Amino acid sequence: MKPFVLLFSLFLLTSCSSVLVYSDHDSSIDFTKYNTFAYFKPEIDQVKISDLDKRRILKAIDAEMHVKGLSKSETPDLLVGFTTQAKEQIYINNQNNWGWGFNPWFWGPNYNTVSTRTEGTLFINLIDATTKQLVWQGKGKGGIPENYKNRDERIGLFVQKIISNYPPIKE
């Protein structure tokens, strides 16, 4: 019974924190030539999220790019930008309460509960600084509840999972 409880607990924890991650890249690019980066301010300025969340994303990208061996530079090889999308998901739970009580043909009232959750998508774009062409894009989908206590941690997880796909593996 203990293994089942542990497995179920692990499932609950991972389902609450899941981030679906995808990436795409230009297969003709040699990613080993990129050693430095800077932010692509025009793209970031257009993102319609709070300045606090923008700073959280930038801080997380900084950390992950350094883990990947890239450093910030005034003359970068890569420009880093990001965009976001949000979509509200509506969930309807139909509860059919059947009560037998004194009358076996009695059907209790139906109760419907409606809940919403905002699902966000974070796109991280890596642009060749010389050609100004998009060379890699990572995308992470998931949710961050409005009342989430540690947004820094959650946003950091999004960014970490997205950038874990960089550089792409040669096939």
N, C-alpha and C. Protein backbone atom coordinates (compact mmCIF):
# COMPACT_ATOMS: atom_id res chain seq x y z
N MET A 1 0.82 -1.19 0.00
CA MET A 1 0.00 0.00 0.00
C MET A 1 0.87 1.26 0.00
N LYS A 2 2.01 1.21 0.72
CA LYS A 2 2.89 2.38 0.78
C LYS A 2 3.39 2.80 -0.60
N PRO A 3 3.83 1.84 -1.44
CA PRO A 3 4.28 2.27 -2.77
C PRO A 3 3.19 2.98 -3.57
N PHE A 4 1.95 2.50 -3.43
CA PHE A 4 0.85 3.15 -4.14
C PHE A 4 0.65 4.58 -3.66
N VAL A 5 0.68 4.79 -2.34
CA VAL A 5 0.50 6.13 -1.77
C VAL A 5 1.64 7.05 -2.23
N LEU A 6 2.87 6.55 -2.22
CA LEU A 6 4.00 7.36 -2.67
C LEU A 6 3.89 7.70 -4.15
N LEU A 7 3.50 6.73 -4.96
CA LEU A 7 3.36 6.96 -6.39
C LEU A 7 2.25 7.97 -6.67
N PHE A 8 1.12 7.84 -5.96
CA PHE A 8 0.01 8.77 -6.14
C PHE A 8 0.41 10.17 -5.71
N SER A 9 1.14 10.31 -4.60
CA SER A 9 1.61 11.62 -4.13
C SER A 9 2.54 12.25 -5.14
N LEU A 10 3.44 11.45 -5.69
CA LEU A 10 4.37 11.96 -6.70
C LEU A 10 3.60 12.43 -7.93
N PHE A 11 2.58 11.67 -8.34
CA PHE A 11 1.75 12.06 -9.47
C PHE A 11 1.08 13.40 -9.22
N LEU A 12 0.52 13.59 -8.02
CA LEU A 12 -0.15 14.85 -7.70
C LEU A 12 0.82 16.01 -7.74
N LEU A 13 2.01 15.82 -7.18
CA LEU A 13 3.00 16.89 -7.17
C LEU A 13 3.43 17.26 -8.58
N THR A 14 3.69 16.27 -9.42
CA THR A 14 4.16 16.57 -10.76
C THR A 14 3.04 17.11 -11.64
N SER A 15 1.80 16.68 -11.41
CA SER A 15 0.72 17.20 -12.24
C SER A 15 0.44 18.66 -11.93
N CYS A 16 0.67 19.07 -10.69
CA CYS A 16 0.46 20.47 -10.33
C CYS A 16 1.56 21.35 -10.90
N SER A 17 2.73 20.80 -11.09
CA SER A 17 3.85 21.64 -11.52
C SER A 17 4.26 21.36 -12.96
N SER A 18 3.43 20.66 -13.70
CA SER A 18 3.86 20.26 -15.04
C SER A 18 3.95 21.45 -15.98
N VAL A 19 4.99 21.42 -16.76
CA VAL A 19 5.19 22.40 -17.82
C VAL A 19 5.45 21.58 -19.08
N LEU A 20 4.62 21.75 -20.08
CA LEU A 20 4.84 21.06 -21.35
C LEU A 20 5.80 21.89 -22.18
N VAL A 21 6.87 21.27 -22.66
CA VAL A 21 7.92 22.01 -23.33
C VAL A 21 8.15 21.48 -24.73
N TYR A 22 8.34 22.39 -25.66
CA TYR A 22 8.64 22.07 -27.05
C TYR A 22 9.73 23.02 -27.52
N SER A 23 10.46 22.61 -28.54
CA SER A 23 11.42 23.54 -29.13
C SER A 23 11.55 23.24 -30.62
N ASP A 24 12.04 24.24 -31.33
CA ASP A 24 12.27 24.12 -32.76
C ASP A 24 13.52 24.91 -33.07
N HIS A 25 14.21 24.54 -34.13
CA HIS A 25 15.45 25.23 -34.47
C HIS A 25 15.74 25.11 -35.96
N ASP A 26 16.65 25.96 -36.41
CA ASP A 26 17.14 25.92 -37.78
C ASP A 26 18.24 24.86 -37.82
N SER A 27 17.99 23.76 -38.52
CA SER A 27 18.94 22.64 -38.53
C SER A 27 20.23 22.93 -39.29
N SER A 28 20.29 24.04 -40.01
CA SER A 28 21.51 24.37 -40.74
C SER A 28 22.49 25.17 -39.88
N ILE A 29 22.12 25.50 -38.66
CA ILE A 29 22.95 26.35 -37.79
C ILE A 29 23.87 25.51 -36.93
N ASP A 30 25.12 25.98 -36.80
CA ASP A 30 26.09 25.39 -35.88
C ASP A 30 25.99 26.18 -34.57
N PHE A 31 25.33 25.62 -33.59
CA PHE A 31 25.08 26.32 -32.34
C PHE A 31 26.31 26.46 -31.46
N THR A 32 27.38 25.76 -31.78
CA THR A 32 28.61 25.88 -30.99
C THR A 32 29.29 27.23 -31.21
N LYS A 33 28.91 27.96 -32.24
CA LYS A 33 29.53 29.26 -32.52
C LYS A 33 28.95 30.37 -31.63
N TYR A 34 27.88 30.09 -30.91
CA TYR A 34 27.26 31.10 -30.05
C TYR A 34 27.82 31.01 -28.64
N ASN A 35 28.43 32.11 -28.20
CA ASN A 35 29.03 32.14 -26.86
C ASN A 35 28.52 33.29 -26.01
N THR A 36 27.92 34.29 -26.63
CA THR A 36 27.47 35.47 -25.89
C THR A 36 26.03 35.80 -26.27
N PHE A 37 25.38 36.56 -25.39
CA PHE A 37 23.99 36.95 -25.66
C PHE A 37 23.70 38.33 -25.07
N ALA A 38 22.65 38.91 -25.57
CA ALA A 38 22.07 40.14 -25.02
C ALA A 38 20.57 40.04 -25.26
N TYR A 39 19.83 40.90 -24.59
CA TYR A 39 18.38 40.85 -24.74
C TYR A 39 17.90 41.69 -25.92
N PHE A 40 16.87 41.19 -26.58
CA PHE A 40 16.26 41.88 -27.72
C PHE A 40 15.12 42.73 -27.16
N LYS A 41 15.47 43.93 -26.74
CA LYS A 41 14.56 44.82 -26.03
C LYS A 41 13.26 45.13 -26.79
N PRO A 42 13.30 45.37 -28.11
CA PRO A 42 12.03 45.69 -28.80
C PRO A 42 10.97 44.58 -28.63
N GLU A 43 11.38 43.33 -28.65
CA GLU A 43 10.42 42.23 -28.48
C GLU A 43 9.92 42.17 -27.05
N ILE A 44 10.82 42.31 -26.10
CA ILE A 44 10.46 42.20 -24.68
C ILE A 44 9.55 43.35 -24.26
N ASP A 45 9.80 44.54 -24.79
CA ASP A 45 8.96 45.69 -24.43
C ASP A 45 7.51 45.52 -24.86
N GLN A 46 7.24 44.71 -25.86
CA GLN A 46 5.88 44.52 -26.36
C GLN A 46 5.08 43.50 -25.55
N VAL A 47 5.74 42.75 -24.67
CA VAL A 47 5.06 41.71 -23.90
C VAL A 47 4.14 42.35 -22.87
N LYS A 48 2.89 41.91 -22.86
CA LYS A 48 1.86 42.48 -21.99
C LYS A 48 1.71 41.69 -20.70
N ILE A 49 2.77 41.74 -19.88
CA ILE A 49 2.71 41.16 -18.54
C ILE A 49 3.29 42.19 -17.58
N SER A 50 3.19 41.93 -16.30
CA SER A 50 3.69 42.89 -15.31
C SER A 50 5.21 43.01 -15.40
N ASP A 51 5.70 44.17 -15.03
CA ASP A 51 7.15 44.37 -15.00
C ASP A 51 7.82 43.41 -14.02
N LEU A 52 7.12 43.05 -12.96
CA LEU A 52 7.67 42.09 -11.99
C LEU A 52 7.91 40.74 -12.66
N ASP A 53 6.92 40.27 -13.41
CA ASP A 53 7.08 38.98 -14.09
C ASP A 53 8.14 39.06 -15.19
N LYS A 54 8.22 40.20 -15.88
CA LYS A 54 9.28 40.37 -16.89
C LYS A 54 10.65 40.23 -16.24
N ARG A 55 10.82 40.89 -15.10
CA ARG A 55 12.12 40.79 -14.41
C ARG A 55 12.39 39.37 -13.93
N ARG A 56 11.36 38.67 -13.49
CA ARG A 56 11.53 37.28 -13.07
C ARG A 56 12.00 36.42 -14.24
N ILE A 57 11.38 36.62 -15.40
CA ILE A 57 11.75 35.84 -16.59
C ILE A 57 13.18 36.16 -17.00
N LEU A 58 13.54 37.44 -17.03
CA LEU A 58 14.89 37.84 -17.42
C LEU A 58 15.94 37.27 -16.45
N LYS A 59 15.64 37.32 -15.17
CA LYS A 59 16.56 36.77 -14.16
C LYS A 59 16.75 35.27 -14.37
N ALA A 60 15.65 34.57 -14.65
CA ALA A 60 15.73 33.12 -14.87
C ALA A 60 16.48 32.80 -16.16
N ILE A 61 16.25 33.58 -17.21
CA ILE A 61 16.97 33.36 -18.47
C ILE A 61 18.46 33.59 -18.25
N ASP A 62 18.82 34.67 -17.55
CA ASP A 62 20.24 34.93 -17.23
C ASP A 62 20.88 33.70 -16.60
N ALA A 63 20.23 33.17 -15.57
CA ALA A 63 20.79 32.03 -14.85
C ALA A 63 20.95 30.82 -15.76
N GLU A 64 19.94 30.52 -16.57
CA GLU A 64 20.00 29.34 -17.43
C GLU A 64 21.00 29.50 -18.58
N MET A 65 21.13 30.70 -19.12
CA MET A 65 22.10 30.92 -20.19
C MET A 65 23.53 30.76 -19.65
N HIS A 66 23.75 31.21 -18.42
CA HIS A 66 25.07 31.03 -17.81
C HIS A 66 25.36 29.56 -17.57
N VAL A 67 24.34 28.79 -17.18
CA VAL A 67 24.51 27.34 -17.01
C VAL A 67 24.91 26.71 -18.34
N LYS A 68 24.38 27.24 -19.44
CA LYS A 68 24.68 26.71 -20.78
C LYS A 68 26.03 27.21 -21.30
N GLY A 69 26.72 28.05 -20.52
CA GLY A 69 28.05 28.52 -20.92
C GLY A 69 28.04 29.80 -21.74
N LEU A 70 26.92 30.48 -21.81
CA LEU A 70 26.84 31.74 -22.54
C LEU A 70 26.93 32.90 -21.56
N SER A 71 27.58 33.97 -21.98
CA SER A 71 27.70 35.14 -21.11
C SER A 71 27.12 36.36 -21.80
N LYS A 72 26.70 37.34 -21.00
CA LYS A 72 26.16 38.58 -21.53
C LYS A 72 27.28 39.39 -22.16
N SER A 73 26.91 40.12 -23.23
CA SER A 73 27.92 40.90 -23.93
C SER A 73 27.28 42.11 -24.61
N GLU A 74 28.06 43.16 -24.79
CA GLU A 74 27.62 44.32 -25.56
C GLU A 74 27.64 44.01 -27.06
N THR A 75 28.45 43.04 -27.46
CA THR A 75 28.52 42.60 -28.86
C THR A 75 28.17 41.11 -28.91
N PRO A 76 26.89 40.79 -28.78
CA PRO A 76 26.46 39.40 -28.63
C PRO A 76 26.42 38.62 -29.94
N ASP A 77 26.51 37.29 -29.77
CA ASP A 77 26.28 36.37 -30.88
C ASP A 77 24.79 36.10 -31.05
N LEU A 78 24.08 36.08 -29.92
CA LEU A 78 22.64 35.80 -29.90
C LEU A 78 21.88 36.94 -29.25
N LEU A 79 20.70 37.20 -29.76
CA LEU A 79 19.75 38.10 -29.11
C LEU A 79 18.64 37.24 -28.53
N VAL A 80 18.28 37.51 -27.29
CA VAL A 80 17.27 36.72 -26.60
C VAL A 80 16.03 37.58 -26.41
N GLY A 81 14.92 37.06 -26.89
CA GLY A 81 13.64 37.72 -26.68
C GLY A 81 12.64 36.72 -26.14
N PHE A 82 11.52 37.22 -25.69
CA PHE A 82 10.46 36.30 -25.27
C PHE A 82 9.12 36.96 -25.49
N THR A 83 8.12 36.12 -25.66
CA THR A 83 6.74 36.56 -25.77
C THR A 83 5.88 35.63 -24.92
N THR A 84 4.68 36.05 -24.66
CA THR A 84 3.77 35.24 -23.86
C THR A 84 2.39 35.22 -24.51
N GLN A 85 1.64 34.19 -24.19
CA GLN A 85 0.23 34.09 -24.56
C GLN A 85 -0.49 33.53 -23.35
N ALA A 86 -1.72 33.95 -23.18
CA ALA A 86 -2.54 33.40 -22.09
C ALA A 86 -3.89 33.00 -22.66
N LYS A 87 -4.41 31.91 -22.14
CA LYS A 87 -5.70 31.41 -22.58
C LYS A 87 -6.43 30.91 -21.34
N GLU A 88 -7.65 31.35 -21.18
CA GLU A 88 -8.43 30.92 -20.02
C GLU A 88 -9.15 29.62 -20.35
N GLN A 89 -8.91 28.61 -19.54
CA GLN A 89 -9.57 27.32 -19.69
C GLN A 89 -10.76 27.27 -18.73
N ILE A 90 -11.88 26.79 -19.22
CA ILE A 90 -13.07 26.66 -18.38
C ILE A 90 -13.35 25.18 -18.17
N TYR A 91 -13.53 24.80 -16.92
CA TYR A 91 -13.80 23.41 -16.56
C TYR A 91 -15.19 23.33 -15.94
N ILE A 92 -16.03 22.42 -16.45
CA ILE A 92 -17.37 22.22 -15.91
C ILE A 92 -17.44 20.81 -15.34
N ASN A 93 -17.81 20.73 -14.08
CA ASN A 93 -17.93 19.45 -13.40
C ASN A 93 -19.40 19.21 -13.12
N ASN A 94 -19.98 18.21 -13.76
CA ASN A 94 -21.39 17.88 -13.60
C ASN A 94 -21.51 16.77 -12.57
N GLN A 95 -22.16 17.10 -11.46
CA GLN A 95 -22.36 16.11 -10.41
C GLN A 95 -23.83 15.71 -10.38
N ASN A 96 -24.08 14.45 -10.69
CA ASN A 96 -25.44 13.93 -10.70
C ASN A 96 -25.67 13.23 -9.37
N ASN A 97 -26.47 13.82 -8.50
CA ASN A 97 -26.71 13.23 -7.17
C ASN A 97 -27.98 12.40 -7.21
N TRP A 98 -27.82 11.13 -7.07
CA TRP A 98 -28.99 10.27 -7.06
C TRP A 98 -29.18 9.78 -5.64
N GLY A 99 -30.30 10.07 -5.13
CA GLY A 99 -30.60 9.62 -3.77
C GLY A 99 -31.72 8.61 -3.81
N TRP A 100 -31.57 7.54 -3.07
CA TRP A 100 -32.62 6.52 -3.08
C TRP A 100 -33.65 6.79 -2.00
N GLY A 101 -33.25 7.23 -0.86
CA GLY A 101 -34.18 7.61 0.21
C GLY A 101 -35.40 6.72 0.28
N PHE A 102 -36.58 7.34 0.39
CA PHE A 102 -37.83 6.60 0.50
C PHE A 102 -38.39 6.22 -0.86
N ASN A 103 -38.03 6.93 -1.90
CA ASN A 103 -38.59 6.66 -3.21
C ASN A 103 -37.47 6.18 -4.13
N PRO A 104 -37.49 4.91 -4.56
CA PRO A 104 -36.39 4.40 -5.37
C PRO A 104 -36.33 5.04 -6.76
N TRP A 105 -37.35 5.77 -7.17
CA TRP A 105 -37.34 6.40 -8.50
C TRP A 105 -36.94 7.87 -8.44
N PHE A 106 -36.59 8.35 -7.27
CA PHE A 106 -36.24 9.76 -7.11
C PHE A 106 -34.81 10.00 -7.56
N TRP A 107 -34.66 10.99 -8.40
CA TRP A 107 -33.33 11.44 -8.81
C TRP A 107 -33.09 12.79 -8.18
N GLY A 108 -32.00 12.94 -7.50
CA GLY A 108 -31.67 14.22 -6.87
C GLY A 108 -31.30 15.26 -7.90
N PRO A 109 -31.17 16.48 -7.48
CA PRO A 109 -30.84 17.55 -8.43
C PRO A 109 -29.40 17.41 -8.93
N ASN A 110 -29.18 17.92 -10.12
CA ASN A 110 -27.84 17.96 -10.68
C ASN A 110 -27.15 19.24 -10.23
N TYR A 111 -25.89 19.12 -9.91
CA TYR A 111 -25.10 20.29 -9.54
C TYR A 111 -23.96 20.44 -10.52
N ASN A 112 -23.81 21.61 -11.06
CA ASN A 112 -22.70 21.90 -11.94
C ASN A 112 -21.79 22.91 -11.25
N THR A 113 -20.51 22.63 -11.28
CA THR A 113 -19.55 23.60 -10.78
C THR A 113 -18.67 24.01 -11.95
N VAL A 114 -18.39 25.28 -12.00
CA VAL A 114 -17.56 25.82 -13.07
C VAL A 114 -16.32 26.44 -12.44
N SER A 115 -15.17 26.10 -12.98
CA SER A 115 -13.93 26.71 -12.52
C SER A 115 -13.12 27.13 -13.74
N THR A 116 -12.27 28.09 -13.54
CA THR A 116 -11.43 28.56 -14.63
C THR A 116 -9.97 28.51 -14.19
N ARG A 117 -9.11 28.40 -15.16
CA ARG A 117 -7.68 28.40 -14.92
C ARG A 117 -7.02 29.03 -16.14
N THR A 118 -6.10 29.92 -15.89
CA THR A 118 -5.40 30.54 -16.99
C THR A 118 -4.19 29.69 -17.32
N GLU A 119 -4.11 29.29 -18.58
CA GLU A 119 -2.96 28.53 -19.06
C GLU A 119 -2.11 29.48 -19.88
N GLY A 120 -0.86 29.57 -19.51
CA GLY A 120 0.04 30.49 -20.20
C GLY A 120 1.06 29.75 -21.04
N THR A 121 1.56 30.44 -22.05
CA THR A 121 2.63 29.92 -22.89
C THR A 121 3.74 30.95 -22.92
N LEU A 122 4.94 30.51 -22.64
CA LEU A 122 6.12 31.37 -22.70
C LEU A 122 6.97 30.90 -23.86
N PHE A 123 7.24 31.81 -24.79
CA PHE A 123 8.12 31.53 -25.93
C PHE A 123 9.45 32.23 -25.66
N ILE A 124 10.55 31.50 -25.75
CA ILE A 124 11.87 32.10 -25.66
C ILE A 124 12.49 31.99 -27.05
N ASN A 125 12.86 33.13 -27.59
CA ASN A 125 13.37 33.21 -28.96
C ASN A 125 14.85 33.56 -28.96
N LEU A 126 15.64 32.78 -29.67
CA LEU A 126 17.06 33.08 -29.84
C LEU A 126 17.29 33.48 -31.28
N ILE A 127 17.82 34.68 -31.46
CA ILE A 127 17.98 35.29 -32.77
C ILE A 127 19.46 35.48 -33.03
N ASP A 128 19.92 35.09 -34.21
CA ASP A 128 21.31 35.33 -34.59
C ASP A 128 21.51 36.84 -34.68
N ALA A 129 22.48 37.37 -33.93
CA ALA A 129 22.68 38.82 -33.87
C ALA A 129 23.17 39.39 -35.20
N THR A 130 23.86 38.61 -36.01
CA THR A 130 24.37 39.10 -37.28
C THR A 130 23.30 39.11 -38.36
N THR A 131 22.60 37.99 -38.51
CA THR A 131 21.60 37.87 -39.58
C THR A 131 20.21 38.34 -39.17
N LYS A 132 19.99 38.51 -37.87
CA LYS A 132 18.68 38.89 -37.31
C LYS A 132 17.60 37.86 -37.62
N GLN A 133 18.00 36.61 -37.80
CA GLN A 133 17.08 35.52 -38.08
C GLN A 133 16.87 34.68 -36.81
N LEU A 134 15.63 34.24 -36.61
CA LEU A 134 15.32 33.34 -35.51
C LEU A 134 16.02 32.01 -35.78
N VAL A 135 16.82 31.52 -34.81
CA VAL A 135 17.53 30.26 -35.01
C VAL A 135 17.05 29.16 -34.06
N TRP A 136 16.42 29.55 -32.95
CA TRP A 136 15.92 28.57 -31.98
C TRP A 136 14.74 29.19 -31.25
N GLN A 137 13.73 28.37 -31.00
CA GLN A 137 12.59 28.83 -30.21
C GLN A 137 12.17 27.73 -29.26
N GLY A 138 12.03 28.09 -28.01
CA GLY A 138 11.52 27.16 -27.00
C GLY A 138 10.18 27.66 -26.52
N LYS A 139 9.32 26.71 -26.20
CA LYS A 139 7.95 27.05 -25.79
C LYS A 139 7.59 26.20 -24.58
N GLY A 140 7.08 26.84 -23.55
CA GLY A 140 6.61 26.14 -22.36
C GLY A 140 5.18 26.51 -22.07
N LYS A 141 4.35 25.49 -21.83
CA LYS A 141 2.93 25.69 -21.54
C LYS A 141 2.63 25.19 -20.14
N GLY A 142 1.88 25.96 -19.40
CA GLY A 142 1.49 25.54 -18.07
C GLY A 142 0.74 26.66 -17.38
N GLY A 143 0.47 26.47 -16.10
CA GLY A 143 -0.29 27.46 -15.36
C GLY A 143 0.45 28.00 -14.17
N ILE A 144 0.16 29.25 -13.87
CA ILE A 144 0.63 29.87 -12.63
C ILE A 144 -0.59 30.55 -12.02
N PRO A 145 -1.14 29.96 -10.96
CA PRO A 145 -2.31 30.59 -10.34
C PRO A 145 -1.98 32.01 -9.85
N GLU A 146 -2.96 32.88 -9.90
CA GLU A 146 -2.76 34.27 -9.47
C GLU A 146 -2.24 34.35 -8.04
N ASN A 147 -2.72 33.48 -7.18
CA ASN A 147 -2.33 33.54 -5.77
C ASN A 147 -1.14 32.64 -5.44
N TYR A 148 -0.40 32.22 -6.46
CA TYR A 148 0.74 31.33 -6.24
C TYR A 148 1.77 32.04 -5.38
N LYS A 149 2.22 31.42 -4.32
CA LYS A 149 3.07 32.07 -3.34
C LYS A 149 4.48 32.37 -3.85
N ASN A 150 5.07 31.47 -4.63
CA ASN A 150 6.44 31.69 -5.06
C ASN A 150 6.52 31.76 -6.59
N ARG A 151 6.17 32.91 -7.12
CA ARG A 151 6.17 33.10 -8.58
C ARG A 151 7.60 33.01 -9.14
N ASP A 152 8.59 33.48 -8.37
CA ASP A 152 9.98 33.38 -8.82
C ASP A 152 10.34 31.93 -9.12
N GLU A 153 9.98 31.05 -8.21
CA GLU A 153 10.29 29.63 -8.37
C GLU A 153 9.56 29.03 -9.57
N ARG A 154 8.29 29.34 -9.71
CA ARG A 154 7.48 28.77 -10.80
C ARG A 154 7.97 29.26 -12.16
N ILE A 155 8.23 30.56 -12.27
CA ILE A 155 8.74 31.12 -13.52
C ILE A 155 10.13 30.56 -13.81
N GLY A 156 10.95 30.42 -12.78
CA GLY A 156 12.27 29.81 -12.95
C GLY A 156 12.18 28.40 -13.49
N LEU A 157 11.19 27.64 -13.01
CA LEU A 157 10.99 26.27 -13.50
C LEU A 157 10.59 26.28 -14.98
N PHE A 158 9.69 27.18 -15.36
CA PHE A 158 9.29 27.32 -16.77
C PHE A 158 10.52 27.53 -17.64
N VAL A 159 11.31 28.55 -17.27
CA VAL A 159 12.48 28.92 -18.08
C VAL A 159 13.49 27.78 -18.10
N GLN A 160 13.73 27.16 -16.96
CA GLN A 160 14.71 26.06 -16.90
C GLN A 160 14.30 24.92 -17.83
N LYS A 161 13.05 24.55 -17.79
CA LYS A 161 12.59 23.44 -18.63
C LYS A 161 12.67 23.80 -20.12
N ILE A 162 12.33 25.04 -20.45
CA ILE A 162 12.39 25.45 -21.85
C ILE A 162 13.84 25.44 -22.35
N ILE A 163 14.73 26.08 -21.61
CA ILE A 163 16.12 26.21 -22.05
C ILE A 163 16.88 24.88 -21.94
N SER A 164 16.31 23.92 -21.24
CA SER A 164 16.99 22.60 -21.17
C SER A 164 17.10 21.97 -22.56
N ASN A 165 16.29 22.42 -23.51
CA ASN A 165 16.34 21.91 -24.88
C ASN A 165 17.36 22.63 -25.75
N TYR A 166 18.10 23.58 -25.17
CA TYR A 166 19.11 24.31 -25.92
C TYR A 166 20.49 23.88 -25.43
N PRO A 167 21.47 23.73 -26.28
CA PRO A 167 21.39 23.73 -27.73
C PRO A 167 20.74 22.43 -28.22
N PRO A 168 20.17 22.47 -29.40
CA PRO A 168 19.53 21.26 -29.92
C PRO A 168 20.56 20.16 -30.15
N ILE A 169 20.11 18.94 -30.00
CA ILE A 169 21.00 17.77 -30.20
C ILE A 169 21.08 17.48 -31.70
N LYS A 170 22.31 17.34 -32.18
CA LYS A 170 22.51 17.00 -33.61
C LYS A 170 21.97 15.61 -33.86
N GLU A 171 21.28 15.45 -34.95
CA GLU A 171 20.69 14.15 -35.30
C GLU A 171 21.57 13.38 -36.24
